[in-house]
Each structure stands twice: as C-alpha cells, then as structure tokens.
Amino acid sequence: MRRLLVVVFAVALSIAAVAQEHEHAAPSPSTFDKVVMQQVWDAWCTLNPANAAKFYGKEKSHVFYDITPLQYHGWAEYEAGVKPVLAQWKSATCKVNYDGQIREESPMMAWTATTVNLDAIKQDGKPEKLVVRWTAIWHKHGANWVIAHDHTSVPAQ
C-alpha cells in the first residue's frame, strides 16, 4: 500500500509539473521580445532575403510556408525561392501589429502569432496593401533566438 501511495504521489507531482510548464508565461524581454519580431519584418521589407537570413535556422529539415509558393525546405531553398516573389515590388514597409501571442514553451523554444501590415509598391508603381498572418516557431541557438518554422499567409480574397 505504501508503494502505491509513493507512485500516486510521484504521478501527481509529474502532472502538476506538466500543467505548470504549459501555463505559457510570456517570455521576459531578456529571452525574447516583440522588437525581434519587427526586426524580422524590417529585414524582409528590404526585399533582400539575405537581410532576413540571420533570423532563421539553417537546418535543411526546417519547413517554411510563405504566401507563394506553398513551401520551402531549409533556409537555402527559402532564400532562393522567395527572390522572384520579392522582385515584383520596388519597395515595401511592414508593421507588426502584436495582436497575437508570444509564448515561451521552454527556455529553448517559443512561438509567436500575429498579423502584419504590409504596404508595397509594385514594379509598375501601383500600391499593394496586405494584412498577412504570421506564425513563427523559434528556438534558442546559442545565445540567439532563430526561426525554425515560419508560416506566412493572406486571407482568401
């Protein structure tokens, strides 16, 4: 009977630890903050993916979903594939709205979800305004947070 009580107590502690871990306290600014999210989009709005590269993990197993085409496998494919898409614009500005969430799942992993206002000027001079949805899964790589998965999409028109 005593052994059973020890097992029940151990299970109860485990459940409490898992529940506490999933309370999703927002990361402190010392680990990850909204400023980084805006920096990512400022880099993309230079229309040169090389400027955004420092924010992304370089593992070939990472999958990134963008507005078009559907998906990229690894940063090298993402960087090369998005260049023709970005070449359609002369300039762009982005504003992260911070209307979603930042959740730290562990000291090594966080995720963000928000919308971003994207104002661009096409090569023909016509303006284009988009509100995009952006979700990113971040992992801590050394002292830096990098994106291991990125999903950017626009609502159906």
C-alpha atoms as a PDB file:
ATOM      1  CA  MET A   1       0.000   0.000   0.000  1.00  0.00           C
ATOM      2  CA  ARG A   2       2.828   2.367   0.872  1.00  0.00           C
ATOM      3  CA  ARG A   3       4.448   1.697  -2.520  1.00  0.00           C
ATOM      4  CA  LEU A   4       1.160   2.563  -4.251  1.00  0.00           C
ATOM      5  CA  LEU A   5       0.966   5.864  -2.365  1.00  0.00           C
ATOM      6  CA  VAL A   6       4.519   6.736  -3.451  1.00  0.00           C
ATOM      7  CA  VAL A   7       3.623   6.013  -7.096  1.00  0.00           C
ATOM      8  CA  VAL A   8       0.402   8.063  -6.869  1.00  0.00           C
ATOM      9  CA  PHE A   9       2.319  10.937  -5.269  1.00  0.00           C
ATOM     10  CA  ALA A  10       5.003  10.804  -7.998  1.00  0.00           C
ATOM     11  CA  VAL A  11       2.351  10.824 -10.742  1.00  0.00           C
ATOM     12  CA  ALA A  12       0.588  13.772  -9.093  1.00  0.00           C
ATOM     13  CA  LEU A  13       3.848  15.741  -8.979  1.00  0.00           C
ATOM     14  CA  SER A  14       4.513  14.943 -12.642  1.00  0.00           C
ATOM     15  CA  ILE A  15       1.064  16.128 -13.667  1.00  0.00           C
ATOM     16  CA  ALA A  16       1.498  19.328 -11.662  1.00  0.00           C
ATOM     17  CA  ALA A  17       4.882  19.977 -13.307  1.00  0.00           C
ATOM     18  CA  VAL A  18       3.467  19.483 -16.811  1.00  0.00           C
ATOM     19  CA  ALA A  19       0.489  21.731 -16.040  1.00  0.00           C
ATOM     20  CA  GLN A  20       2.789  24.433 -14.693  1.00  0.00           C
ATOM     21  CA  GLU A  21       5.044  24.156 -17.749  1.00  0.00           C
ATOM     22  CA  HIS A  22       2.059  24.757 -20.024  1.00  0.00           C
ATOM     23  CA  GLU A  23       0.788  27.869 -18.257  1.00  0.00           C
ATOM     24  CA  HIS A  24       2.586  29.703 -21.079  1.00  0.00           C
ATOM     25  CA  ALA A  25       4.082  32.621 -19.241  1.00  0.00           C
ATOM     26  CA  ALA A  26       5.239  35.259 -21.678  1.00  0.00           C
ATOM     27  CA  PRO A  27       8.988  35.269 -22.192  1.00  0.00           C
ATOM     28  CA  SER A  28      10.870  38.007 -20.419  1.00  0.00           C
ATOM     29  CA  PRO A  29      12.488  40.673 -22.602  1.00  0.00           C
ATOM     30  CA  SER A  30      15.857  39.156 -21.738  1.00  0.00           C
ATOM     31  CA  THR A  31      14.965  35.993 -23.687  1.00  0.00           C
ATOM     32  CA  PHE A  32      12.677  37.088 -26.498  1.00  0.00           C
ATOM     33  CA  ASP A  33      10.581  40.149 -27.247  1.00  0.00           C
ATOM     34  CA  LYS A  34       8.372  41.918 -29.783  1.00  0.00           C
ATOM     35  CA  VAL A  35      11.233  44.065 -31.030  1.00  0.00           C
ATOM     36  CA  VAL A  36      12.780  40.995 -32.641  1.00  0.00           C
ATOM     37  CA  MET A  37       9.514  40.289 -34.476  1.00  0.00           C
ATOM     38  CA  GLN A  38       9.567  43.777 -36.034  1.00  0.00           C
ATOM     39  CA  GLN A  39      13.254  43.386 -36.906  1.00  0.00           C
ATOM     40  CA  VAL A  40      12.433  40.231 -38.879  1.00  0.00           C
ATOM     41  CA  TRP A  41       9.821  42.055 -40.921  1.00  0.00           C
ATOM     42  CA  ASP A  42      12.019  45.133 -41.375  1.00  0.00           C
ATOM     43  CA  ALA A  43      14.643  42.804 -42.834  1.00  0.00           C
ATOM     44  CA  TRP A  44      12.107  41.197 -45.199  1.00  0.00           C
ATOM     45  CA  CYS A  45      10.866  44.623 -46.296  1.00  0.00           C
ATOM     46  CA  THR A  46      14.322  45.462 -47.649  1.00  0.00           C
ATOM     47  CA  LEU A  47      13.246  42.935 -50.335  1.00  0.00           C
ATOM     48  CA  ASN A  48      16.549  41.126 -49.925  1.00  0.00           C
ATOM     49  CA  PRO A  49      16.178  37.767 -48.159  1.00  0.00           C
ATOM     50  CA  ALA A  50      19.865  37.834 -47.222  1.00  0.00           C
ATOM     51  CA  ASN A  51      18.952  40.557 -44.712  1.00  0.00           C
ATOM     52  CA  ALA A  52      16.455  38.228 -43.023  1.00  0.00           C
ATOM     53  CA  ALA A  53      18.828  35.246 -43.006  1.00  0.00           C
ATOM     54  CA  LYS A  54      20.251  35.954 -39.552  1.00  0.00           C
ATOM     55  CA  PHE A  55      16.820  35.363 -38.011  1.00  0.00           C
ATOM     56  CA  TYR A  56      16.396  31.859 -39.466  1.00  0.00           C
ATOM     57  CA  GLY A  57      17.805  28.485 -38.530  1.00  0.00           C
ATOM     58  CA  LYS A  58      19.805  26.942 -41.343  1.00  0.00           C
ATOM     59  CA  GLU A  59      18.886  23.276 -40.796  1.00  0.00           C
ATOM     60  CA  LYS A  60      17.725  21.633 -44.022  1.00  0.00           C
ATOM     61  CA  SER A  61      14.899  19.913 -42.138  1.00  0.00           C
ATOM     62  CA  HIS A  62      13.149  23.216 -41.355  1.00  0.00           C
ATOM     63  CA  VAL A  63       9.989  23.866 -43.370  1.00  0.00           C
ATOM     64  CA  PHE A  64       8.825  27.394 -44.160  1.00  0.00           C
ATOM     65  CA  TYR A  65       5.401  28.252 -45.614  1.00  0.00           C
ATOM     66  CA  ASP A  66       5.051  31.505 -47.476  1.00  0.00           C
ATOM     67  CA  ILE A  67       2.367  33.328 -49.438  1.00  0.00           C
ATOM     68  CA  THR A  68       3.640  31.776 -52.643  1.00  0.00           C
ATOM     69  CA  PRO A  69       4.820  29.179 -53.497  1.00  0.00           C
ATOM     70  CA  LEU A  70       3.473  26.830 -50.883  1.00  0.00           C
ATOM     71  CA  GLN A  71       6.584  25.676 -49.017  1.00  0.00           C
ATOM     72  CA  TYR A  72      10.337  25.686 -48.788  1.00  0.00           C
ATOM     73  CA  HIS A  73      12.612  23.083 -47.209  1.00  0.00           C
ATOM     74  CA  GLY A  74      15.522  24.716 -45.421  1.00  0.00           C
ATOM     75  CA  TRP A  75      16.746  28.281 -45.462  1.00  0.00           C
ATOM     76  CA  ALA A  76      18.756  27.962 -48.702  1.00  0.00           C
ATOM     77  CA  GLU A  77      15.632  26.929 -50.630  1.00  0.00           C
ATOM     78  CA  TYR A  78      13.572  29.647 -48.932  1.00  0.00           C
ATOM     79  CA  GLU A  79      16.095  32.371 -49.705  1.00  0.00           C
ATOM     80  CA  ALA A  80      16.408  31.358 -53.377  1.00  0.00           C
ATOM     81  CA  GLY A  81      12.702  30.730 -53.889  1.00  0.00           C
ATOM     82  CA  VAL A  82      11.400  33.962 -52.440  1.00  0.00           C
ATOM     83  CA  LYS A  83      13.659  36.226 -54.528  1.00  0.00           C
ATOM     84  CA  PRO A  84      11.377  36.209 -57.617  1.00  0.00           C
ATOM     85  CA  VAL A  85       8.377  36.961 -55.398  1.00  0.00           C
ATOM     86  CA  LEU A  86      10.089  39.920 -53.749  1.00  0.00           C
ATOM     87  CA  ALA A  87      11.336  41.157 -57.152  1.00  0.00           C
ATOM     88  CA  GLN A  88       7.730  42.039 -58.028  1.00  0.00           C
ATOM     89  CA  TRP A  89       7.981  45.015 -55.661  1.00  0.00           C
ATOM     90  CA  LYS A  90      10.049  48.207 -55.782  1.00  0.00           C
ATOM     91  CA  SER A  91       9.675  48.901 -52.073  1.00  0.00           C
ATOM     92  CA  ALA A  92       7.848  47.687 -49.002  1.00  0.00           C
ATOM     93  CA  THR A  93       7.177  48.659 -45.415  1.00  0.00           C
ATOM     94  CA  CYS A  94       5.904  46.365 -42.696  1.00  0.00           C
ATOM     95  CA  LYS A  95       4.324  46.895 -39.312  1.00  0.00           C
ATOM     96  CA  VAL A  96       3.913  44.019 -36.884  1.00  0.00           C
ATOM     97  CA  ASN A  97       0.592  44.520 -35.101  1.00  0.00           C
ATOM     98  CA  TYR A  98       1.323  42.452 -31.961  1.00  0.00           C
ATOM     99  CA  ASP A  99      -2.309  41.371 -31.933  1.00  0.00           C
ATOM    100  CA  GLY A 100      -1.495  37.727 -31.384  1.00  0.00           C
ATOM    101  CA  GLN A 101       0.669  35.986 -28.857  1.00  0.00           C
ATOM    102  CA  ILE A 102       4.217  35.293 -27.774  1.00  0.00           C
ATOM    103  CA  ARG A 103       4.526  32.049 -25.853  1.00  0.00           C
ATOM    104  CA  GLU A 104       7.645  30.561 -24.355  1.00  0.00           C
ATOM    105  CA  GLU A 105       7.214  26.808 -24.206  1.00  0.00           C
ATOM    106  CA  SER A 106      10.613  26.212 -22.658  1.00  0.00           C
ATOM    107  CA  PRO A 107      13.865  28.101 -22.202  1.00  0.00           C
ATOM    108  CA  MET A 108      14.794  26.838 -25.691  1.00  0.00           C
ATOM    109  CA  MET A 109      11.519  27.170 -27.660  1.00  0.00           C
ATOM    110  CA  ALA A 110       8.902  29.864 -28.198  1.00  0.00           C
ATOM    111  CA  TRP A 111       6.218  30.597 -30.749  1.00  0.00           C
ATOM    112  CA  THR A 112       4.677  33.806 -31.996  1.00  0.00           C
ATOM    113  CA  ALA A 113       1.471  34.530 -33.878  1.00  0.00           C
ATOM    114  CA  THR A 114       0.375  37.943 -35.119  1.00  0.00           C
ATOM    115  CA  THR A 115      -0.765  39.934 -38.124  1.00  0.00           C
ATOM    116  CA  VAL A 116       1.468  42.243 -40.118  1.00  0.00           C
ATOM    117  CA  ASN A 117       0.502  45.222 -42.279  1.00  0.00           C
ATOM    118  CA  LEU A 118       2.476  45.091 -45.500  1.00  0.00           C
ATOM    119  CA  ASP A 119       2.453  48.153 -47.789  1.00  0.00           C
ATOM    120  CA  ALA A 120       4.334  47.665 -51.035  1.00  0.00           C
ATOM    121  CA  ILE A 121       4.875  49.472 -54.300  1.00  0.00           C
ATOM    122  CA  LYS A 122       4.859  47.124 -57.278  1.00  0.00           C
ATOM    123  CA  GLN A 123       7.423  47.463 -60.076  1.00  0.00           C
ATOM    124  CA  ASP A 124       4.743  49.176 -62.207  1.00  0.00           C
ATOM    125  CA  GLY A 125       4.243  51.805 -59.480  1.00  0.00           C
ATOM    126  CA  LYS A 126       0.890  50.510 -58.204  1.00  0.00           C
ATOM    127  CA  PRO A 127       0.474  50.278 -54.441  1.00  0.00           C
ATOM    128  CA  GLU A 128      -0.384  46.985 -52.794  1.00  0.00           C
ATOM    129  CA  LYS A 129      -1.657  46.677 -49.243  1.00  0.00           C
ATOM    130  CA  LEU A 130      -1.843  43.335 -47.487  1.00  0.00           C
ATOM    131  CA  VAL A 131      -2.569  42.170 -43.989  1.00  0.00           C
ATOM    132  CA  VAL A 132      -0.710  38.901 -43.546  1.00  0.00           C
ATOM    133  CA  ARG A 133      -0.921  36.296 -40.829  1.00  0.00           C
ATOM    134  CA  TRP A 134       2.444  35.268 -39.439  1.00  0.00           C
ATOM    135  CA  THR A 135       3.258  32.401 -37.138  1.00  0.00           C
ATOM    136  CA  ALA A 136       6.819  31.509 -36.232  1.00  0.00           C
ATOM    137  CA  ILE A 137       8.355  28.802 -34.093  1.00  0.00           C
ATOM    138  CA  TRP A 138      11.590  29.980 -32.555  1.00  0.00           C
ATOM    139  CA  HIS A 139      14.357  28.017 -30.932  1.00  0.00           C
ATOM    140  CA  LYS A 140      17.313  29.234 -28.996  1.00  0.00           C
ATOM    141  CA  HIS A 141      20.505  28.562 -30.891  1.00  0.00           C
ATOM    142  CA  GLY A 142      23.414  29.520 -28.672  1.00  0.00           C
ATOM    143  CA  ALA A 143      22.588  32.975 -27.304  1.00  0.00           C
ATOM    144  CA  ASN A 144      20.207  33.846 -30.159  1.00  0.00           C
ATOM    145  CA  TRP A 145      16.593  33.073 -30.988  1.00  0.00           C
ATOM    146  CA  VAL A 146      16.168  31.835 -34.583  1.00  0.00           C
ATOM    147  CA  ILE A 147      13.112  30.797 -36.535  1.00  0.00           C
ATOM    148  CA  ALA A 148      12.808  27.058 -37.070  1.00  0.00           C
ATOM    149  CA  HIS A 149       9.417  27.270 -38.792  1.00  0.00           C
ATOM    150  CA  ASP A 150       7.658  30.222 -40.385  1.00  0.00           C
ATOM    151  CA  HIS A 151       4.133  30.302 -41.779  1.00  0.00           C
ATOM    152  CA  THR A 152       3.019  33.436 -43.608  1.00  0.00           C
ATOM    153  CA  SER A 153      -0.349  33.615 -45.333  1.00  0.00           C
ATOM    154  CA  VAL A 154      -3.025  36.003 -46.532  1.00  0.00           C
ATOM    155  CA  PRO A 155      -6.771  35.587 -46.195  1.00  0.00           C
ATOM    156  CA  ALA A 156      -8.547  34.314 -49.314  1.00  0.00           C
ATOM    157  CA  GLN A 157      -9.847  37.206 -51.416  1.00  0.00           C
END
